[in-house]
Amino acid sequence: MHSTDAPARDAQELREVLIAKIDSLGSFRTDRVKDAFRTVPRHVFLPDVGLETAYAPQPVVTKRAEGGTAVSSASSPNIVAKMLEQLDVHPGHRVLEIGAATGINAALLAELVGPSGSVVTIELDEDLAQRARTGLAAAGYDQVEVVCGDGALGDPNGTGFDRIIVTAGTWDISTPGGPSSPPADASSYLFASTAAA
């Protein structure tokens, strides 16, 4: 049988293959993060690519500038798993994500905080913020608040957070005590710059 004759794999099967790959790299340290990956339908947030691409262990570029430069992407799932493990999110936590992009990471965070927690994700570009809202709604994560704004300014509602994660590219990281330093009300702060591929 030729590979073109093989039946297409479904999303759940591809999700399990991706999880096995991430697991083989030692990136999962907890079942909670692995279960979040098992639950979130990555392909719903990436409607412009096929299932195989959506569940490939690599970044997926989702927006390019006029000259073709990648300006937004769904980060490598392995990197996302490592970041979420390092962030150490627990049920009931209030989490701020700076850099909504597709909304995939916000959905994973929503799984980790559970119904008693909250997730706010800030995106600078209105079209990306709307795309994140659309994906989150389609995947059943209406509880995630998507804000269009400058993440460097924090949450415009002034809410306190237990965890803050930055998943956007940056050209500068301030010195301790500067504007990008962790706020006093955050018990964990993870800065992870993810450049578009």
Protein backbone atom coordinates (compact mmCIF):
# COMPACT_ATOMS: atom_id res chain seq x y z
CA MET A 1 0.00 0.00 0.00
CA HIS A 2 1.31 3.47 -0.89
CA SER A 3 1.41 6.12 1.81
CA THR A 4 -1.12 8.16 -0.18
CA ASP A 5 -3.57 5.26 0.19
CA ALA A 6 -3.32 5.26 3.99
CA PRO A 7 -6.31 6.68 5.82
CA ALA A 8 -5.80 10.17 7.20
CA ARG A 9 -5.03 10.20 10.90
CA ASP A 10 -7.55 11.99 13.09
CA ALA A 11 -6.79 14.88 15.41
CA GLN A 12 -6.81 12.77 18.59
CA GLU A 13 -4.32 10.29 17.16
CA LEU A 14 -2.03 13.10 15.99
CA ARG A 15 -2.33 14.78 19.39
CA GLU A 16 -1.22 11.54 21.08
CA VAL A 17 1.75 11.24 18.69
CA LEU A 18 2.76 14.82 19.54
CA ILE A 19 2.43 14.16 23.26
CA ALA A 20 4.58 11.03 22.93
CA LYS A 21 7.25 13.04 21.09
CA ILE A 22 7.29 15.77 23.78
CA ASP A 23 7.36 13.08 26.47
CA SER A 24 10.33 11.37 24.79
CA LEU A 25 12.24 14.65 25.05
CA GLY A 26 11.65 14.76 28.80
CA SER A 27 9.74 18.04 28.70
CA PHE A 28 6.68 16.88 30.63
CA ARG A 29 7.33 16.78 34.37
CA THR A 30 3.71 16.60 35.48
CA ASP A 31 0.63 14.76 34.30
CA ARG A 32 -1.32 18.02 34.60
CA VAL A 33 0.57 19.67 31.73
CA LYS A 34 0.48 16.49 29.68
CA ASP A 35 -3.28 16.22 30.25
CA ALA A 36 -3.75 19.84 29.18
CA PHE A 37 -2.00 19.01 25.90
CA ARG A 38 -4.22 15.96 25.58
CA THR A 39 -7.35 18.10 26.03
CA VAL A 40 -6.69 21.26 23.98
CA PRO A 41 -7.57 20.80 20.28
CA ARG A 42 -4.55 22.56 18.72
CA HIS A 43 -5.99 22.28 15.21
CA VAL A 44 -9.01 24.45 16.11
CA PHE A 45 -6.60 27.35 16.71
CA LEU A 46 -4.78 26.68 13.42
CA PRO A 47 -7.62 26.46 10.88
CA ASP A 48 -5.41 27.53 7.96
CA VAL A 49 -3.16 24.45 8.10
CA GLY A 50 -3.81 20.73 7.87
CA LEU A 51 -4.00 18.42 10.87
CA GLU A 52 -0.52 17.00 10.29
CA THR A 53 0.96 20.51 10.40
CA ALA A 54 -1.13 21.58 13.38
CA TYR A 55 0.19 18.64 15.42
CA ALA A 56 3.76 18.64 14.11
CA PRO A 57 6.46 19.16 16.75
CA GLN A 58 7.44 22.53 15.31
CA PRO A 59 6.28 26.16 15.29
CA VAL A 60 3.57 27.18 12.83
CA VAL A 61 3.84 30.68 11.37
CA THR A 62 0.42 32.35 11.50
CA LYS A 63 1.17 35.91 10.40
CA ARG A 64 3.78 37.49 8.15
CA ALA A 65 4.67 41.11 7.50
CA GLU A 66 4.35 42.48 3.98
CA GLY A 67 7.98 41.56 3.23
CA GLY A 68 7.39 37.96 4.32
CA THR A 69 8.99 38.16 7.75
CA ALA A 70 7.22 35.98 10.31
CA VAL A 71 5.64 38.17 13.00
CA SER A 72 3.47 35.65 14.84
CA SER A 73 3.39 31.91 15.27
CA ALA A 74 2.11 29.04 17.31
CA SER A 75 5.25 28.19 19.28
CA SER A 76 6.93 24.82 19.20
CA PRO A 77 4.79 22.50 21.35
CA ASN A 78 7.89 21.21 23.12
CA ILE A 79 8.92 24.74 24.13
CA VAL A 80 5.36 25.45 25.29
CA ALA A 81 5.40 22.31 27.46
CA LYS A 82 8.70 23.36 29.05
CA MET A 83 7.42 26.89 29.69
CA LEU A 84 4.21 25.64 31.30
CA GLU A 85 6.12 23.21 33.51
CA GLN A 86 8.45 26.02 34.62
CA LEU A 87 5.53 28.35 35.29
CA ASP A 88 4.10 25.81 37.77
CA VAL A 89 0.44 26.82 37.39
CA HIS A 90 -2.09 25.34 39.83
CA PRO A 91 -5.89 25.20 40.01
CA GLY A 92 -7.31 28.50 41.18
CA HIS A 93 -4.38 30.60 39.99
CA ARG A 94 -4.91 33.90 38.18
CA VAL A 95 -2.58 33.96 35.16
CA LEU A 96 -1.59 36.81 32.84
CA GLU A 97 -0.18 35.88 29.45
CA ILE A 98 1.43 38.55 27.32
CA GLY A 99 1.29 37.52 23.66
CA ALA A 100 -2.01 35.77 22.82
CA ALA A 101 -1.13 34.91 19.19
CA THR A 102 -3.40 31.95 18.32
CA GLY A 103 -4.84 31.40 21.81
CA ILE A 104 -3.43 27.86 22.14
CA ASN A 105 -1.29 28.69 25.16
CA ALA A 106 -4.18 30.53 26.85
CA ALA A 107 -6.34 27.42 26.40
CA LEU A 108 -3.60 25.25 27.95
CA LEU A 109 -3.39 27.72 30.85
CA ALA A 110 -7.18 27.59 31.26
CA GLU A 111 -6.96 23.81 31.60
CA LEU A 112 -4.27 24.21 34.26
CA VAL A 113 -6.07 26.86 36.34
CA GLY A 114 -9.40 25.04 36.11
CA PRO A 115 -12.84 26.56 36.74
CA SER A 116 -11.74 28.29 39.94
CA GLY A 117 -8.87 30.15 38.23
CA SER A 118 -8.66 32.77 35.52
CA VAL A 119 -6.57 33.57 32.46
CA VAL A 120 -6.14 36.99 30.85
CA THR A 121 -4.13 37.15 27.64
CA ILE A 122 -2.96 40.43 26.11
CA GLU A 123 -2.20 40.82 22.41
CA LEU A 124 -0.88 43.99 20.75
CA ASP A 125 -2.35 43.34 17.28
CA GLU A 126 -6.13 43.55 17.02
CA ASP A 127 -6.31 40.95 14.25
CA LEU A 128 -4.34 38.47 16.37
CA ALA A 129 -6.45 39.27 19.43
CA GLN A 130 -9.59 38.59 17.40
CA ARG A 131 -8.11 35.37 16.04
CA ALA A 132 -7.33 34.25 19.61
CA ARG A 133 -10.90 35.10 20.70
CA THR A 134 -12.31 33.13 17.77
CA GLY A 135 -10.14 30.07 18.45
CA LEU A 136 -10.81 30.13 22.18
CA ALA A 137 -14.56 30.38 21.62
CA ALA A 138 -14.53 27.61 18.99
CA ALA A 139 -12.59 25.34 21.36
CA GLY A 140 -14.88 26.09 24.32
CA TYR A 141 -12.62 28.43 26.32
CA ASP A 142 -14.95 31.43 26.59
CA GLN A 143 -13.75 32.02 30.16
CA VAL A 144 -10.36 33.27 28.88
CA GLU A 145 -10.30 37.07 28.65
CA VAL A 146 -8.51 38.38 25.54
CA VAL A 147 -7.40 42.01 25.75
CA CYS A 148 -6.02 43.99 22.82
CA GLY A 149 -3.32 46.21 24.24
CA ASP A 150 0.35 46.64 25.02
CA GLY A 151 1.41 43.85 27.35
CA ALA A 152 4.33 45.97 28.59
CA LEU A 153 1.71 48.08 30.36
CA GLY A 154 0.19 45.06 32.10
CA ASP A 155 -3.50 44.33 32.57
CA PRO A 156 -5.53 47.51 31.97
CA ASN A 157 -7.98 46.30 34.62
CA GLY A 158 -5.21 46.30 37.22
CA THR A 159 -5.93 42.75 38.34
CA GLY A 160 -3.34 40.94 40.47
CA PHE A 161 -1.94 37.64 39.21
CA ASP A 162 -0.34 34.54 40.68
CA ARG A 163 1.61 33.84 37.49
CA ILE A 164 2.73 35.94 34.52
CA ILE A 165 4.11 34.51 31.29
CA VAL A 166 5.47 36.48 28.34
CA THR A 167 5.28 34.54 25.10
CA ALA A 168 5.91 37.41 22.71
CA GLY A 169 9.08 38.50 20.98
CA THR A 170 10.88 41.42 22.54
CA TRP A 171 13.68 43.76 21.59
CA ASP A 172 14.60 44.68 25.15
CA ILE A 173 14.52 43.22 28.63
CA SER A 174 14.66 45.80 31.41
CA THR A 175 17.01 45.55 34.35
CA PRO A 176 15.65 44.44 37.73
CA GLY A 177 13.22 47.03 39.05
CA GLY A 178 12.48 48.29 35.53
CA PRO A 179 9.13 48.18 33.76
CA SER A 180 9.47 44.53 32.68
CA SER A 181 10.31 43.29 36.16
CA PRO A 182 7.83 41.05 37.94
CA PRO A 183 5.08 42.94 39.70
CA ALA A 184 4.99 42.69 43.47
CA ASP A 185 1.70 40.77 43.38
CA ALA A 186 3.00 37.96 41.15
CA SER A 187 4.34 34.92 42.97
CA SER A 188 5.85 33.52 39.77
CA TYR A 189 7.03 35.30 36.67
CA LEU A 190 8.34 33.58 33.57
CA PHE A 191 9.73 35.48 30.65
CA ALA A 192 10.03 33.42 27.52
CA SER A 193 10.58 35.18 24.25
CA THR A 194 9.35 33.10 21.35
CA ALA A 195 10.51 34.38 18.01
CA ALA A 196 8.40 33.48 15.02
CA ALA A 197 10.05 30.86 12.82
